[in-house]
Structure formats: C-alpha cells, structure tokens
C-alpha cells in the first residue's frame, strides 16, 4: 500500500494523469466522436500505454 501511495503522490504520475485528462477532454470537445475505444487508442498512441516502471 505504501508503494501505491508513493506512486499516487509522485509529480511524474500526477503529470501523466493530467496529460491524459487534457488530451481526452480535447478529443471529447469534438462532438462527432462517440467511440470511447477510439479515444482511448488516440490517447495511448500520444502518451503511450501506462507503464508503472516509468514512475519508479
């Protein structure tokens, strides 16, 4: 549990989550996009799949 707490409080993890949030909101702004899987794919392509090792 301590490792999870440390991860959640790390600046790099917070920045990663903020970038994902910003990019997802930007994609949702286009009202013609309705496929959530497509949005998830675009976000993952832009930022990369979640990789826990990048936050250690």
PDB file of N, CA and C in Angstrom:
ATOM      1  N   UNK A   1       0.811  -1.198   0.000  1.00  0.00           N
ATOM      2  CA  UNK A   1       0.000   0.000   0.000  1.00  0.00           C
ATOM      3  C   UNK A   1       0.858   1.267   0.000  1.00  0.00           C
ATOM      4  N   UNK A   2       1.995   1.199   0.666  1.00  0.00           N
ATOM      5  CA  UNK A   2       2.869   2.370   0.711  1.00  0.00           C
ATOM      6  C   UNK A   2       3.387   2.716  -0.684  1.00  0.00           C
ATOM      7  N   UNK A   3       3.704   1.682  -1.467  1.00  0.00           N
ATOM      8  CA  UNK A   3       4.190   1.929  -2.829  1.00  0.00           C
ATOM      9  C   UNK A   3       3.123   2.609  -3.677  1.00  0.00           C
ATOM     10  N   UNK A   4       1.874   2.190  -3.514  1.00  0.00           N
ATOM     11  CA  UNK A   4       0.772   2.810  -4.262  1.00  0.00           C
ATOM     12  C   UNK A   4       0.608   4.259  -3.836  1.00  0.00           C
ATOM     13  N   UNK A   5       0.690   4.507  -2.544  1.00  0.00           N
ATOM     14  CA  UNK A   5       0.565   5.874  -2.029  1.00  0.00           C
ATOM     15  C   UNK A   5       1.687   6.758  -2.583  1.00  0.00           C
ATOM     16  N   UNK A   6       2.906   6.229  -2.587  1.00  0.00           N
ATOM     17  CA  UNK A   6       4.036   6.996  -3.121  1.00  0.00           C
ATOM     18  C   UNK A   6       3.851   7.283  -4.606  1.00  0.00           C
ATOM     19  N   UNK A   7       3.361   6.297  -5.349  1.00  0.00           N
ATOM     20  CA  UNK A   7       3.103   6.500  -6.776  1.00  0.00           C
ATOM     21  C   UNK A   7       2.065   7.591  -6.981  1.00  0.00           C
ATOM     22  N   UNK A   8       0.962   7.506  -6.264  1.00  0.00           N
ATOM     23  CA  UNK A   8      -0.129   8.465  -6.432  1.00  0.00           C
ATOM     24  C   UNK A   8       0.296   9.890  -6.082  1.00  0.00           C
ATOM     25  N   UNK A   9       1.277  10.024  -5.205  1.00  0.00           N
ATOM     26  CA  UNK A   9       1.723  11.348  -4.783  1.00  0.00           C
ATOM     27  C   UNK A   9       2.895  11.878  -5.612  1.00  0.00           C
ATOM     28  N   UNK A  10       3.447  11.062  -6.497  1.00  0.00           N
ATOM     29  CA  UNK A  10       4.615  11.497  -7.269  1.00  0.00           C
ATOM     30  C   UNK A  10       4.207  12.520  -8.330  1.00  0.00           C
ATOM     31  N   UNK A  11       5.070  13.488  -8.543  1.00  0.00           N
ATOM     32  CA  UNK A  11       4.801  14.528  -9.541  1.00  0.00           C
ATOM     33  C   UNK A  11       4.707  13.948 -10.946  1.00  0.00           C
ATOM     34  N   UNK A  12       5.556  12.972 -11.257  1.00  0.00           N
ATOM     35  CA  UNK A  12       5.530  12.410 -12.612  1.00  0.00           C
ATOM     36  C   UNK A  12       4.212  11.691 -12.885  1.00  0.00           C
ATOM     37  N   UNK A  13       3.669  11.004 -11.895  1.00  0.00           N
ATOM     38  CA  UNK A  13       2.387  10.322 -12.077  1.00  0.00           C
ATOM     39  C   UNK A  13       1.257  11.337 -12.212  1.00  0.00           C
ATOM     40  N   UNK A  14       1.289  12.376 -11.396  1.00  0.00           N
ATOM     41  CA  UNK A  14       0.269  13.431 -11.491  1.00  0.00           C
ATOM     42  C   UNK A  14       0.327  14.113 -12.859  1.00  0.00           C
ATOM     43  N   UNK A  15       1.524  14.370 -13.359  1.00  0.00           N
ATOM     44  CA  UNK A  15       1.676  14.980 -14.685  1.00  0.00           C
ATOM     45  C   UNK A  15       1.147  14.065 -15.773  1.00  0.00           C
ATOM     46  N   UNK A  16       1.438  12.773 -15.663  1.00  0.00           N
ATOM     47  CA  UNK A  16       0.953  11.793 -16.637  1.00  0.00           C
ATOM     48  C   UNK A  16      -0.575  11.783 -16.659  1.00  0.00           C
ATOM     49  N   UNK A  17      -1.190  11.732 -15.489  1.00  0.00           N
ATOM     50  CA  UNK A  17      -2.654  11.736 -15.421  1.00  0.00           C
ATOM     51  C   UNK A  17      -3.234  13.031 -15.973  1.00  0.00           C
ATOM     52  N   UNK A  18      -2.585  14.154 -15.696  1.00  0.00           N
ATOM     53  CA  UNK A  18      -3.081  15.432 -16.199  1.00  0.00           C
ATOM     54  C   UNK A  18      -2.999  15.489 -17.716  1.00  0.00           C
ATOM     55  N   UNK A  19      -1.897  14.985 -18.293  1.00  0.00           N
ATOM     56  CA  UNK A  19      -1.766  14.959 -19.751  1.00  0.00           C
ATOM     57  C   UNK A  19      -2.843  14.078 -20.376  1.00  0.00           C
ATOM     58  N   UNK A  20      -3.127  12.930 -19.768  1.00  0.00           N
ATOM     59  CA  UNK A  20      -4.185  12.045 -20.281  1.00  0.00           C
ATOM     60  C   UNK A  20      -5.534  12.744 -20.203  1.00  0.00           C
ATOM     61  N   UNK A  21      -5.789  13.419 -19.080  1.00  0.00           N
ATOM     62  CA  UNK A  21      -7.057  14.124 -18.900  1.00  0.00           C
ATOM     63  C   UNK A  21      -7.207  15.232 -19.930  1.00  0.00           C
ATOM     64  N   UNK A  22      -6.165  16.027 -20.104  1.00  0.00           N
ATOM     65  CA  UNK A  22      -6.222  17.140 -21.057  1.00  0.00           C
ATOM     66  C   UNK A  22      -6.462  16.644 -22.479  1.00  0.00           C
ATOM     67  N   UNK A  23      -5.740  15.610 -22.869  1.00  0.00           N
ATOM     68  CA  UNK A  23      -5.885  15.087 -24.223  1.00  0.00           C
ATOM     69  C   UNK A  23      -7.270  14.478 -24.431  1.00  0.00           C
ATOM     70  N   UNK A  24      -7.769  13.757 -23.445  1.00  0.00           N
ATOM     71  CA  UNK A  24      -9.107  13.167 -23.548  1.00  0.00           C
ATOM     72  C   UNK A  24     -10.169  14.250 -23.653  1.00  0.00           C
ATOM     73  N   UNK A  25     -10.053  15.294 -22.843  1.00  0.00           N
ATOM     74  CA  UNK A  25     -11.016  16.398 -22.914  1.00  0.00           C
ATOM     75  C   UNK A  25     -10.962  17.086 -24.275  1.00  0.00           C
ATOM     76  N   UNK A  26      -9.766  17.227 -24.820  1.00  0.00           N
ATOM     77  CA  UNK A  26      -9.628  17.832 -26.148  1.00  0.00           C
ATOM     78  C   UNK A  26     -10.342  16.980 -27.200  1.00  0.00           C
ATOM     79  N   UNK A  27     -10.197  15.669 -27.105  1.00  0.00           N
ATOM     80  CA  UNK A  27     -10.865  14.782 -28.056  1.00  0.00           C
ATOM     81  C   UNK A  27     -12.380  14.801 -27.862  1.00  0.00           C
ATOM     82  N   UNK A  28     -12.842  14.849 -26.618  1.00  0.00           N
ATOM     83  CA  UNK A  28     -14.280  14.900 -26.351  1.00  0.00           C
ATOM     84  C   UNK A  28     -14.911  16.206 -26.828  1.00  0.00           C
ATOM     85  N   UNK A  29     -14.110  17.236 -26.987  1.00  0.00           N
ATOM     86  CA  UNK A  29     -14.638  18.517 -27.460  1.00  0.00           C
ATOM     87  C   UNK A  29     -15.195  18.392 -28.876  1.00  0.00           C
ATOM     88  N   UNK A  30     -14.689  17.414 -29.623  1.00  0.00           N
ATOM     89  CA  UNK A  30     -15.207  17.136 -30.965  1.00  0.00           C
ATOM     90  C   UNK A  30     -16.452  16.272 -30.805  1.00  0.00           C
ATOM     91  N   UNK A  31     -17.608  16.872 -30.903  1.00  0.00           N
ATOM     92  CA  UNK A  31     -18.878  16.191 -30.633  1.00  0.00           C
ATOM     93  C   UNK A  31     -19.192  15.071 -31.620  1.00  0.00           C
ATOM     94  N   UNK A  32     -18.439  14.996 -32.718  1.00  0.00           N
ATOM     95  CA  UNK A  32     -18.709  13.938 -33.695  1.00  0.00           C
ATOM     96  C   UNK A  32     -18.071  12.613 -33.284  1.00  0.00           C
ATOM     97  N   UNK A  33     -17.188  12.639 -32.291  1.00  0.00           N
ATOM     98  CA  UNK A  33     -16.534  11.410 -31.838  1.00  0.00           C
ATOM     99  C   UNK A  33     -17.374  10.780 -30.732  1.00  0.00           C
ATOM    100  N   UNK A  34     -17.809   9.564 -30.953  1.00  0.00           N
ATOM    101  CA  UNK A  34     -18.646   8.880 -29.964  1.00  0.00           C
ATOM    102  C   UNK A  34     -18.064   7.540 -29.535  1.00  0.00           C
ATOM    103  N   UNK A  35     -16.977   7.121 -30.138  1.00  0.00           N
ATOM    104  CA  UNK A  35     -16.391   5.823 -29.843  1.00  0.00           C
ATOM    105  C   UNK A  35     -15.324   5.967 -28.760  1.00  0.00           C
ATOM    106  N   UNK A  36     -15.635   5.528 -27.546  1.00  0.00           N
ATOM    107  CA  UNK A  36     -14.692   5.643 -26.436  1.00  0.00           C
ATOM    108  C   UNK A  36     -13.408   4.865 -26.668  1.00  0.00           C
ATOM    109  N   UNK A  37     -13.508   3.718 -27.334  1.00  0.00           N
ATOM    110  CA  UNK A  37     -12.312   2.936 -27.639  1.00  0.00           C
ATOM    111  C   UNK A  37     -11.367   3.688 -28.553  1.00  0.00           C
ATOM    112  N   UNK A  38     -11.930   4.424 -29.511  1.00  0.00           N
ATOM    113  CA  UNK A  38     -11.108   5.226 -30.423  1.00  0.00           C
ATOM    114  C   UNK A  38     -10.359   6.295 -29.637  1.00  0.00           C
ATOM    115  N   UNK A  39     -11.061   6.952 -28.708  1.00  0.00           N
ATOM    116  CA  UNK A  39     -10.423   7.991 -27.890  1.00  0.00           C
ATOM    117  C   UNK A  39      -9.302   7.378 -27.055  1.00  0.00           C
ATOM    118  N   UNK A  40      -9.571   6.241 -26.428  1.00  0.00           N
ATOM    119  CA  UNK A  40      -8.558   5.569 -25.621  1.00  0.00           C
ATOM    120  C   UNK A  40      -7.336   5.221 -26.468  1.00  0.00           C
ATOM    121  N   UNK A  41      -7.564   4.729 -27.678  1.00  0.00           N
ATOM    122  CA  UNK A  41      -6.456   4.409 -28.580  1.00  0.00           C
ATOM    123  C   UNK A  41      -5.647   5.646 -28.935  1.00  0.00           C
ATOM    124  N   UNK A  42      -6.306   6.769 -29.232  1.00  0.00           N
ATOM    125  CA  UNK A  42      -5.593   8.004 -29.581  1.00  0.00           C
ATOM    126  C   UNK A  42      -4.753   8.490 -28.398  1.00  0.00           C
ATOM    127  N   UNK A  43      -5.329   8.451 -27.196  1.00  0.00           N
ATOM    128  CA  UNK A  43      -4.597   8.902 -26.008  1.00  0.00           C
ATOM    129  C   UNK A  43      -3.389   8.001 -25.773  1.00  0.00           C
ATOM    130  N   UNK A  44      -3.584   6.695 -25.875  1.00  0.00           N
ATOM    131  CA  UNK A  44      -2.469   5.773 -25.665  1.00  0.00           C
ATOM    132  C   UNK A  44      -1.396   5.940 -26.728  1.00  0.00           C
ATOM    133  N   UNK A  45      -1.789   6.211 -27.960  1.00  0.00           N
ATOM    134  CA  UNK A  45      -0.800   6.440 -29.012  1.00  0.00           C
ATOM    135  C   UNK A  45      -0.006   7.714 -28.747  1.00  0.00           C
ATOM    136  N   UNK A  46      -0.663   8.741 -28.233  1.00  0.00           N
ATOM    137  CA  UNK A  46       0.005  10.015 -27.980  1.00  0.00           C
ATOM    138  C   UNK A  46       0.922   9.948 -26.762  1.00  0.00           C
ATOM    139  N   UNK A  47       0.469   9.288 -25.707  1.00  0.00           N
ATOM    140  CA  UNK A  47       1.214   9.290 -24.446  1.00  0.00           C
ATOM    141  C   UNK A  47       1.863   7.958 -24.116  1.00  0.00           C
ATOM    142  N   UNK A  48       1.482   6.920 -24.817  1.00  0.00           N
ATOM    143  CA  UNK A  48       1.999   5.590 -24.514  1.00  0.00           C
ATOM    144  C   UNK A  48       1.103   4.885 -23.510  1.00  0.00           C
ATOM    145  N   UNK A  49       1.124   3.578 -23.563  1.00  0.00           N
ATOM    146  CA  UNK A  49       0.365   2.783 -22.601  1.00  0.00           C
ATOM    147  C   UNK A  49       0.911   3.062 -21.204  1.00  0.00           C
ATOM    148  N   UNK A  50       0.075   2.890 -20.198  1.00  0.00           N
ATOM    149  CA  UNK A  50       0.517   3.069 -18.820  1.00  0.00           C
ATOM    150  C   UNK A  50       1.610   2.053 -18.522  1.00  0.00           C
ATOM    151  N   UNK A  51       2.737   2.523 -18.026  1.00  0.00           N
ATOM    152  CA  UNK A  51       3.871   1.666 -17.703  1.00  0.00           C
ATOM    153  C   UNK A  51       4.370   2.068 -16.324  1.00  0.00           C
ATOM    154  N   UNK A  52       4.112   1.219 -15.347  1.00  0.00           N
ATOM    155  CA  UNK A  52       4.454   1.534 -13.963  1.00  0.00           C
ATOM    156  C   UNK A  52       5.940   1.836 -13.789  1.00  0.00           C
ATOM    157  N   UNK A  53       6.802   1.164 -14.553  1.00  0.00           N
ATOM    158  CA  UNK A  53       8.249   1.369 -14.398  1.00  0.00           C
ATOM    159  C   UNK A  53       8.677   2.805 -14.671  1.00  0.00           C
ATOM    160  N   UNK A  54       7.936   3.548 -15.479  1.00  0.00           N
ATOM    161  CA  UNK A  54       8.335   4.921 -15.776  1.00  0.00           C
ATOM    162  C   UNK A  54       8.167   5.845 -14.577  1.00  0.00           C
ATOM    163  N   UNK A  55       7.491   5.394 -13.532  1.00  0.00           N
ATOM    164  CA  UNK A  55       7.260   6.234 -12.355  1.00  0.00           C
ATOM    165  C   UNK A  55       8.110   5.819 -11.162  1.00  0.00           C
ATOM    166  N   UNK A  56       8.982   4.852 -11.349  1.00  0.00           N
ATOM    167  CA  UNK A  56       9.823   4.389 -10.225  1.00  0.00           C
ATOM    168  C   UNK A  56      11.068   5.218 -10.115  1.00  0.00           C
TER     169      UNK A  56
END
